[in-house]
N, C-alpha and C. Protein backbone atom coordinates (compact mmCIF):
# COMPACT_ATOMS: atom_id res chain seq x y z
N UNK A 1 -60.91 74.84 25.29
CA UNK A 1 -60.01 73.83 24.77
C UNK A 1 -60.05 72.61 25.69
N UNK A 2 -60.28 71.46 25.14
CA UNK A 2 -60.39 70.24 25.93
C UNK A 2 -59.13 69.40 25.77
N UNK A 3 -58.53 69.05 26.88
CA UNK A 3 -57.36 68.18 26.85
C UNK A 3 -57.83 66.80 27.26
N UNK A 4 -57.75 65.86 26.35
CA UNK A 4 -58.24 64.52 26.63
C UNK A 4 -57.24 63.49 26.13
N UNK A 5 -56.22 63.28 26.91
CA UNK A 5 -55.20 62.31 26.56
C UNK A 5 -55.40 61.05 27.40
N UNK A 6 -55.28 59.90 26.77
CA UNK A 6 -55.45 58.64 27.49
C UNK A 6 -54.44 58.52 28.60
N UNK A 7 -53.19 58.97 28.36
CA UNK A 7 -52.13 58.86 29.36
C UNK A 7 -52.39 59.74 30.57
N UNK A 8 -53.21 60.80 30.41
CA UNK A 8 -53.48 61.71 31.51
C UNK A 8 -54.65 61.26 32.37
N UNK A 9 -55.43 60.31 31.91
CA UNK A 9 -56.61 59.86 32.65
C UNK A 9 -56.17 59.21 33.95
N UNK A 10 -56.85 59.54 35.01
CA UNK A 10 -56.52 58.99 36.32
C UNK A 10 -57.81 58.59 37.01
N UNK A 11 -57.84 57.39 37.55
CA UNK A 11 -59.03 56.84 38.18
C UNK A 11 -58.73 56.52 39.64
N UNK A 12 -59.64 56.88 40.53
CA UNK A 12 -59.48 56.53 41.94
C UNK A 12 -59.88 55.07 42.08
N UNK A 13 -58.95 54.26 42.60
CA UNK A 13 -59.17 52.83 42.77
C UNK A 13 -59.61 52.47 44.18
N UNK A 14 -59.22 53.29 45.15
CA UNK A 14 -59.50 52.99 46.56
C UNK A 14 -59.35 54.27 47.36
N UNK A 15 -60.13 54.45 48.40
CA UNK A 15 -60.04 55.62 49.28
C UNK A 15 -60.40 55.20 50.70
N UNK A 16 -59.73 55.81 51.67
CA UNK A 16 -60.08 55.57 53.07
C UNK A 16 -59.85 56.84 53.87
N UNK A 17 -60.83 57.18 54.70
CA UNK A 17 -60.76 58.37 55.54
C UNK A 17 -60.27 58.04 56.94
N UNK A 18 -59.94 59.08 57.66
CA UNK A 18 -59.56 59.01 59.08
C UNK A 18 -58.35 58.12 59.34
N UNK A 19 -57.39 58.15 58.43
CA UNK A 19 -56.12 57.46 58.66
C UNK A 19 -55.11 58.44 59.22
N UNK A 20 -54.11 57.92 59.90
CA UNK A 20 -52.99 58.73 60.38
C UNK A 20 -51.74 58.29 59.64
N UNK A 21 -50.87 59.27 59.34
CA UNK A 21 -49.59 59.00 58.70
C UNK A 21 -48.47 59.36 59.67
N UNK A 22 -47.47 58.50 59.71
CA UNK A 22 -46.22 58.77 60.43
C UNK A 22 -45.12 58.72 59.38
N UNK A 23 -44.22 59.66 59.40
CA UNK A 23 -43.09 59.66 58.47
C UNK A 23 -41.98 58.83 59.10
N UNK A 24 -42.26 57.55 59.25
CA UNK A 24 -41.36 56.59 59.89
C UNK A 24 -41.74 55.19 59.44
N UNK A 25 -40.84 54.24 59.65
CA UNK A 25 -41.08 52.85 59.26
C UNK A 25 -42.28 52.26 59.98
N UNK A 26 -42.43 52.59 61.27
CA UNK A 26 -43.54 52.08 62.08
C UNK A 26 -44.28 53.25 62.71
N UNK A 27 -45.59 53.12 62.88
CA UNK A 27 -46.34 54.20 63.53
C UNK A 27 -46.00 54.30 65.01
N UNK A 28 -46.16 55.49 65.55
CA UNK A 28 -45.95 55.69 66.97
C UNK A 28 -47.07 55.07 67.78
N UNK A 29 -46.90 55.06 69.10
CA UNK A 29 -47.90 54.48 69.98
C UNK A 29 -48.96 55.50 70.41
N UNK A 30 -48.84 56.74 69.93
CA UNK A 30 -49.87 57.75 70.14
C UNK A 30 -50.02 58.53 68.84
N UNK A 31 -51.07 59.32 68.75
CA UNK A 31 -51.30 60.08 67.52
C UNK A 31 -50.47 61.35 67.48
N UNK A 32 -49.77 61.69 68.58
CA UNK A 32 -48.91 62.85 68.56
C UNK A 32 -47.77 62.60 67.58
N UNK A 33 -47.48 63.57 66.73
CA UNK A 33 -46.46 63.40 65.72
C UNK A 33 -46.99 62.82 64.42
N UNK A 34 -48.28 62.55 64.38
CA UNK A 34 -48.89 62.03 63.15
C UNK A 34 -49.77 63.11 62.54
N UNK A 35 -50.28 62.83 61.36
CA UNK A 35 -51.23 63.71 60.70
C UNK A 35 -52.42 62.87 60.27
N UNK A 36 -53.62 63.43 60.45
CA UNK A 36 -54.84 62.71 60.07
C UNK A 36 -55.27 63.15 58.68
N UNK A 37 -55.88 62.24 57.94
CA UNK A 37 -56.35 62.62 56.62
C UNK A 37 -56.98 61.48 55.86
N UNK A 38 -56.96 61.62 54.54
CA UNK A 38 -57.60 60.68 53.62
C UNK A 38 -56.55 60.10 52.69
N UNK A 39 -56.55 58.78 52.54
CA UNK A 39 -55.65 58.11 51.60
C UNK A 39 -56.40 57.78 50.33
N UNK A 40 -55.77 58.04 49.20
CA UNK A 40 -56.34 57.74 47.89
C UNK A 40 -55.34 56.95 47.08
N UNK A 41 -55.78 55.86 46.51
CA UNK A 41 -54.97 55.09 45.58
C UNK A 41 -55.58 55.29 44.21
N UNK A 42 -54.76 55.79 43.28
CA UNK A 42 -55.26 56.04 41.93
C UNK A 42 -54.48 55.17 40.95
N UNK A 43 -54.83 55.27 39.70
CA UNK A 43 -54.15 54.51 38.67
C UNK A 43 -52.76 55.05 38.38
N UNK A 44 -52.38 56.17 38.98
CA UNK A 44 -51.04 56.73 38.77
C UNK A 44 -50.25 56.95 40.04
N UNK A 45 -50.92 57.13 41.18
CA UNK A 45 -50.20 57.52 42.38
C UNK A 45 -50.95 57.16 43.65
N UNK A 46 -50.21 57.23 44.74
CA UNK A 46 -50.77 57.09 46.07
C UNK A 46 -50.73 58.48 46.68
N UNK A 47 -51.85 58.93 47.22
CA UNK A 47 -51.95 60.29 47.76
C UNK A 47 -52.47 60.22 49.18
N UNK A 48 -51.87 61.02 50.06
CA UNK A 48 -52.42 61.20 51.40
C UNK A 48 -52.73 62.68 51.55
N UNK A 49 -54.01 63.00 51.72
CA UNK A 49 -54.46 64.38 51.88
C UNK A 49 -54.64 64.66 53.37
N UNK A 50 -53.72 65.42 53.92
CA UNK A 50 -53.71 65.70 55.36
C UNK A 50 -54.68 66.81 55.72
N UNK A 51 -55.22 66.73 56.91
CA UNK A 51 -56.01 67.82 57.46
C UNK A 51 -55.10 68.89 58.06
N UNK A 52 -53.80 68.61 58.13
CA UNK A 52 -52.84 69.57 58.66
C UNK A 52 -52.50 69.36 60.12
N UNK A 53 -53.11 68.39 60.78
CA UNK A 53 -52.83 68.11 62.18
C UNK A 53 -53.26 66.71 62.54
N UNK A 54 -53.01 66.34 63.79
CA UNK A 54 -53.37 64.99 64.23
C UNK A 54 -54.76 64.93 64.85
N UNK A 55 -55.32 66.07 65.21
CA UNK A 55 -56.61 66.08 65.89
C UNK A 55 -56.49 65.74 67.36
N UNK A 56 -55.26 65.67 67.88
CA UNK A 56 -55.03 65.24 69.27
C UNK A 56 -55.62 66.21 70.29
N UNK A 57 -55.42 67.52 70.08
CA UNK A 57 -55.92 68.49 71.05
C UNK A 57 -57.45 68.43 71.15
N UNK A 58 -58.12 68.35 70.01
CA UNK A 58 -59.58 68.26 70.00
C UNK A 58 -60.04 66.99 70.70
N UNK A 59 -59.35 65.88 70.45
CA UNK A 59 -59.72 64.61 71.08
C UNK A 59 -59.54 64.68 72.60
N UNK A 60 -58.47 65.33 73.05
CA UNK A 60 -58.26 65.47 74.49
C UNK A 60 -59.39 66.28 75.13
N UNK A 61 -59.80 67.37 74.49
CA UNK A 61 -60.90 68.18 75.03
C UNK A 61 -62.21 67.40 75.06
N UNK A 62 -62.51 66.69 73.98
CA UNK A 62 -63.74 65.91 73.93
C UNK A 62 -63.70 64.79 74.96
N UNK A 63 -62.56 64.13 75.08
CA UNK A 63 -62.41 63.05 76.05
C UNK A 63 -62.58 63.57 77.48
N UNK A 64 -62.01 64.73 77.77
CA UNK A 64 -62.14 65.31 79.10
C UNK A 64 -63.59 65.67 79.40
N UNK A 65 -64.30 66.17 78.38
CA UNK A 65 -65.69 66.59 78.59
C UNK A 65 -66.67 65.42 78.57
N UNK A 66 -66.45 64.43 77.70
CA UNK A 66 -67.43 63.37 77.50
C UNK A 66 -66.94 61.98 77.88
N UNK A 67 -65.69 61.85 78.29
CA UNK A 67 -65.14 60.54 78.63
C UNK A 67 -64.65 59.79 77.41
N UNK A 68 -64.12 58.58 77.60
CA UNK A 68 -63.54 57.83 76.50
C UNK A 68 -64.54 57.49 75.38
N UNK A 69 -65.79 57.21 75.74
CA UNK A 69 -66.79 56.90 74.71
C UNK A 69 -67.04 58.13 73.86
N UNK A 70 -67.12 59.29 74.48
CA UNK A 70 -67.31 60.53 73.73
C UNK A 70 -66.18 60.78 72.76
N UNK A 71 -64.97 60.45 73.16
CA UNK A 71 -63.81 60.62 72.29
C UNK A 71 -63.91 59.74 71.05
N UNK A 72 -64.39 58.51 71.23
CA UNK A 72 -64.53 57.61 70.08
C UNK A 72 -65.64 58.06 69.14
N UNK A 73 -66.72 58.58 69.69
CA UNK A 73 -67.85 58.97 68.87
C UNK A 73 -67.64 60.35 68.24
N UNK A 74 -67.20 61.30 69.04
CA UNK A 74 -67.08 62.67 68.58
C UNK A 74 -65.68 63.03 68.10
N UNK A 75 -64.72 62.17 68.24
CA UNK A 75 -63.33 62.50 67.94
C UNK A 75 -62.91 62.34 66.50
N UNK A 76 -63.81 62.07 65.60
CA UNK A 76 -63.47 61.87 64.19
C UNK A 76 -63.42 63.21 63.46
N UNK A 77 -62.43 63.36 62.60
CA UNK A 77 -62.33 64.54 61.75
C UNK A 77 -62.88 64.19 60.38
N UNK A 78 -63.91 64.89 59.92
CA UNK A 78 -64.43 64.57 58.59
C UNK A 78 -63.43 64.99 57.51
N UNK A 79 -63.06 64.06 56.65
CA UNK A 79 -62.11 64.37 55.59
C UNK A 79 -62.69 64.07 54.22
N UNK A 80 -63.95 63.67 54.15
CA UNK A 80 -64.55 63.31 52.88
C UNK A 80 -64.65 64.45 51.89
N UNK A 81 -64.64 65.69 52.39
CA UNK A 81 -64.79 66.82 51.48
C UNK A 81 -63.45 67.45 51.10
N UNK A 82 -62.33 66.81 51.43
CA UNK A 82 -61.03 67.35 51.04
C UNK A 82 -60.85 67.25 49.53
N UNK A 83 -60.18 68.24 48.97
CA UNK A 83 -59.84 68.17 47.55
C UNK A 83 -58.31 68.19 47.44
N UNK A 84 -57.79 68.17 46.23
CA UNK A 84 -56.34 68.09 46.05
C UNK A 84 -55.59 69.31 46.55
N UNK A 85 -56.27 70.39 46.87
CA UNK A 85 -55.58 71.54 47.47
C UNK A 85 -55.04 71.17 48.85
N UNK A 86 -55.54 70.09 49.43
CA UNK A 86 -55.04 69.62 50.73
C UNK A 86 -53.61 69.09 50.62
N UNK A 87 -53.12 68.87 49.40
CA UNK A 87 -51.72 68.44 49.24
C UNK A 87 -50.75 69.50 49.75
N UNK A 88 -51.22 70.75 49.90
CA UNK A 88 -50.37 71.83 50.42
C UNK A 88 -50.26 71.77 51.94
N UNK A 89 -51.14 71.01 52.59
CA UNK A 89 -51.14 70.92 54.06
C UNK A 89 -49.95 70.10 54.56
N UNK A 90 -49.44 70.48 55.71
CA UNK A 90 -48.36 69.71 56.33
C UNK A 90 -48.84 68.29 56.58
N UNK A 91 -48.02 67.32 56.23
CA UNK A 91 -48.36 65.92 56.42
C UNK A 91 -48.91 65.25 55.17
N UNK A 92 -49.21 66.03 54.13
CA UNK A 92 -49.70 65.45 52.87
C UNK A 92 -48.53 64.87 52.09
N UNK A 93 -48.84 63.89 51.26
CA UNK A 93 -47.80 63.24 50.47
C UNK A 93 -48.40 62.73 49.17
N UNK A 94 -47.58 62.70 48.13
CA UNK A 94 -47.99 62.21 46.82
C UNK A 94 -46.85 61.35 46.29
N UNK A 95 -47.14 60.06 46.06
CA UNK A 95 -46.11 59.11 45.63
C UNK A 95 -46.55 58.45 44.32
N UNK A 96 -45.81 58.66 43.23
CA UNK A 96 -46.14 57.93 42.00
C UNK A 96 -46.00 56.42 42.25
N UNK A 97 -46.89 55.62 41.67
CA UNK A 97 -46.83 54.17 41.88
C UNK A 97 -45.48 53.59 41.47
N UNK A 98 -44.87 54.16 40.43
CA UNK A 98 -43.58 53.65 39.97
C UNK A 98 -42.44 53.94 40.95
N UNK A 99 -42.66 54.82 41.93
CA UNK A 99 -41.63 55.15 42.92
C UNK A 99 -41.71 54.28 44.17
N UNK A 100 -42.77 53.49 44.30
CA UNK A 100 -42.92 52.63 45.49
C UNK A 100 -42.03 51.40 45.32
N UNK A 101 -41.10 51.23 46.25
CA UNK A 101 -40.20 50.07 46.25
C UNK A 101 -40.83 48.86 46.90
N UNK A 102 -41.51 49.08 48.03
CA UNK A 102 -42.06 47.99 48.81
C UNK A 102 -43.21 48.52 49.67
N UNK A 103 -44.10 47.62 50.02
CA UNK A 103 -45.20 47.96 50.93
C UNK A 103 -45.73 46.67 51.53
N UNK A 104 -46.35 46.77 52.69
CA UNK A 104 -46.92 45.57 53.31
C UNK A 104 -47.80 45.98 54.50
N UNK A 105 -48.71 45.07 54.84
CA UNK A 105 -49.48 45.19 56.07
C UNK A 105 -48.65 44.54 57.18
N UNK A 106 -48.58 45.18 58.33
CA UNK A 106 -47.79 44.69 59.45
C UNK A 106 -48.62 44.70 60.71
N UNK A 107 -48.20 43.92 61.69
CA UNK A 107 -48.80 43.94 63.01
C UNK A 107 -47.74 44.43 63.99
N UNK A 108 -48.07 45.47 64.74
CA UNK A 108 -47.18 46.03 65.73
C UNK A 108 -47.16 45.13 66.96
N UNK A 109 -46.22 45.33 67.88
CA UNK A 109 -46.10 44.47 69.06
C UNK A 109 -47.36 44.49 69.94
N UNK A 110 -48.17 45.53 69.85
CA UNK A 110 -49.42 45.59 70.61
C UNK A 110 -50.61 45.06 69.80
N UNK A 111 -50.32 44.36 68.69
CA UNK A 111 -51.29 43.75 67.79
C UNK A 111 -52.05 44.75 66.91
N UNK A 112 -51.69 46.01 66.94
CA UNK A 112 -52.30 47.00 66.05
C UNK A 112 -51.80 46.78 64.63
N UNK A 113 -52.71 46.86 63.67
CA UNK A 113 -52.36 46.66 62.26
C UNK A 113 -52.04 48.01 61.62
N UNK A 114 -51.05 48.01 60.72
CA UNK A 114 -50.71 49.21 59.97
C UNK A 114 -50.16 48.81 58.61
N UNK A 115 -50.08 49.79 57.71
CA UNK A 115 -49.50 49.57 56.39
C UNK A 115 -48.27 50.45 56.28
N UNK A 116 -47.15 49.85 55.86
CA UNK A 116 -45.91 50.58 55.65
C UNK A 116 -45.59 50.65 54.17
N UNK A 117 -45.10 51.81 53.73
CA UNK A 117 -44.72 52.01 52.33
C UNK A 117 -43.30 52.55 52.28
N UNK A 118 -42.47 51.96 51.44
CA UNK A 118 -41.12 52.45 51.19
C UNK A 118 -41.09 52.96 49.75
N UNK A 119 -40.55 54.16 49.54
CA UNK A 119 -40.55 54.73 48.20
C UNK A 119 -39.29 55.56 47.95
N UNK A 120 -39.02 55.79 46.65
CA UNK A 120 -37.89 56.63 46.22
C UNK A 120 -38.40 58.05 45.98
N UNK A 121 -37.66 59.01 46.50
CA UNK A 121 -37.98 60.40 46.24
C UNK A 121 -37.30 60.82 44.93
N UNK A 122 -37.56 62.03 44.46
CA UNK A 122 -37.00 62.52 43.19
C UNK A 122 -35.47 62.53 43.21
N UNK A 123 -34.87 62.72 44.39
CA UNK A 123 -33.40 62.73 44.49
C UNK A 123 -32.81 61.34 44.72
N UNK A 124 -33.60 60.29 44.52
CA UNK A 124 -33.23 58.88 44.69
C UNK A 124 -33.00 58.45 46.13
N UNK A 125 -33.30 59.31 47.10
CA UNK A 125 -33.24 58.88 48.49
C UNK A 125 -34.47 58.02 48.78
N UNK A 126 -34.35 57.15 49.77
CA UNK A 126 -35.45 56.24 50.12
C UNK A 126 -36.10 56.75 51.41
N UNK A 127 -37.42 56.81 51.39
CA UNK A 127 -38.21 57.24 52.54
C UNK A 127 -39.19 56.14 52.90
N UNK A 128 -39.66 56.17 54.14
CA UNK A 128 -40.68 55.23 54.60
C UNK A 128 -41.76 55.97 55.35
N UNK A 129 -42.99 55.55 55.13
CA UNK A 129 -44.13 56.11 55.84
C UNK A 129 -45.00 54.95 56.31
N UNK A 130 -45.78 55.20 57.34
CA UNK A 130 -46.70 54.16 57.84
C UNK A 130 -48.06 54.80 58.10
N UNK A 131 -49.10 53.99 57.95
CA UNK A 131 -50.48 54.45 58.05
C UNK A 131 -51.29 53.51 58.92
N UNK A 132 -52.16 54.09 59.72
CA UNK A 132 -53.14 53.32 60.46
C UNK A 132 -54.20 54.27 61.00
N UNK A 133 -55.40 53.76 61.26
CA UNK A 133 -56.42 54.60 61.87
C UNK A 133 -56.17 54.72 63.37
N UNK A 134 -56.88 55.64 63.98
CA UNK A 134 -56.74 55.84 65.43
C UNK A 134 -57.06 54.55 66.19
N UNK A 135 -58.10 53.86 65.79
CA UNK A 135 -58.53 52.63 66.45
C UNK A 135 -58.03 51.42 65.65
N UNK A 136 -56.73 51.24 65.60
CA UNK A 136 -56.12 50.25 64.71
C UNK A 136 -56.25 48.81 65.20
N UNK A 137 -56.56 48.59 66.46
CA UNK A 137 -56.69 47.22 66.94
C UNK A 137 -57.84 46.49 66.24
N UNK A 138 -58.86 47.23 65.82
CA UNK A 138 -60.00 46.63 65.16
C UNK A 138 -59.98 46.89 63.66
N UNK A 139 -58.85 47.37 63.12
CA UNK A 139 -58.77 47.68 61.69
C UNK A 139 -58.48 46.42 60.91
N UNK A 140 -59.47 45.94 60.21
CA UNK A 140 -59.29 44.73 59.41
C UNK A 140 -58.88 45.07 57.98
N UNK A 141 -58.79 46.36 57.66
CA UNK A 141 -58.52 46.77 56.29
C UNK A 141 -57.07 46.80 55.88
N UNK A 142 -56.12 46.61 56.79
CA UNK A 142 -54.70 46.73 56.45
C UNK A 142 -54.29 45.74 55.37
N UNK A 143 -54.69 44.50 55.52
CA UNK A 143 -54.31 43.47 54.55
C UNK A 143 -54.97 43.73 53.20
N UNK A 144 -56.25 44.10 53.22
CA UNK A 144 -56.95 44.41 51.98
C UNK A 144 -56.32 45.63 51.29
N UNK A 145 -55.98 46.64 52.09
CA UNK A 145 -55.37 47.86 51.59
C UNK A 145 -54.04 47.54 50.91
N UNK A 146 -53.21 46.72 51.54
CA UNK A 146 -51.92 46.32 50.96
C UNK A 146 -52.13 45.53 49.67
N UNK A 147 -53.16 44.70 49.63
CA UNK A 147 -53.47 43.93 48.43
C UNK A 147 -53.89 44.84 47.27
N UNK A 148 -54.73 45.83 47.56
CA UNK A 148 -55.15 46.78 46.53
C UNK A 148 -53.95 47.55 45.98
N UNK A 149 -53.04 47.93 46.87
CA UNK A 149 -51.83 48.64 46.44
C UNK A 149 -50.96 47.75 45.56
N UNK A 150 -50.83 46.47 45.91
CA UNK A 150 -50.04 45.53 45.09
C UNK A 150 -50.65 45.38 43.71
N UNK A 151 -51.96 45.26 43.64
CA UNK A 151 -52.65 45.12 42.35
C UNK A 151 -52.43 46.37 41.50
N UNK A 152 -52.58 47.54 42.10
CA UNK A 152 -52.39 48.79 41.36
C UNK A 152 -50.94 48.94 40.88
N UNK A 153 -50.00 48.59 41.74
CA UNK A 153 -48.58 48.70 41.35
C UNK A 153 -48.27 47.80 40.16
N UNK A 154 -48.76 46.57 40.19
CA UNK A 154 -48.45 45.66 39.09
C UNK A 154 -49.18 46.06 37.80
N UNK A 155 -50.36 46.63 37.92
CA UNK A 155 -51.12 46.99 36.72
C UNK A 155 -50.73 48.34 36.14
N UNK A 156 -50.35 49.28 36.98
CA UNK A 156 -50.20 50.65 36.50
C UNK A 156 -48.82 51.29 36.67
N UNK A 157 -47.92 50.74 37.46
CA UNK A 157 -46.69 51.45 37.74
C UNK A 157 -45.75 51.54 36.56
N UNK A 158 -45.73 50.55 35.68
CA UNK A 158 -44.78 50.56 34.56
C UNK A 158 -45.36 51.15 33.28
N UNK A 159 -46.67 51.12 33.15
CA UNK A 159 -47.29 51.60 31.92
C UNK A 159 -48.32 52.66 32.23
N UNK A 160 -48.54 53.60 31.32
CA UNK A 160 -49.60 54.59 31.55
C UNK A 160 -50.96 53.91 31.53
N UNK A 161 -51.89 54.49 32.24
CA UNK A 161 -53.26 53.97 32.30
C UNK A 161 -53.93 54.10 30.93
N UNK A 162 -54.60 53.07 30.51
CA UNK A 162 -55.30 53.10 29.21
C UNK A 162 -56.76 52.83 29.40
């Protein structure tokens, strides 16, 4: 039996790997307390697929063994092969586009760029999350990422995808 409803169709509009999420308005100054994963923007929702941890312990071991350059080269967690079962991992989140109240690219006091999202949960409480990569000082994608999210929200949040 094939289910093929236009309203059920969902398209990935944007994806980025190796981002960290903080369940706070602003990201912390270290990766401790964050979760690493992949962000997906679709025609219906914003999804963060967590690896289940921050990768901090592995980075510390690699850094101790290979120095700071080794940490930058070898410290990445591959997340390209994650599937939606990763939504069960701690740190994962799924936000319908219609639940997003506000979002923007911001610059932290140390000039690191991040994206903040404010959204309504099912119980009408308001939550905030922030995202940035480990090496956020050189992340030029925050503004583009916020722009893509704005475009998707205006095109898809009020009406089903056609």
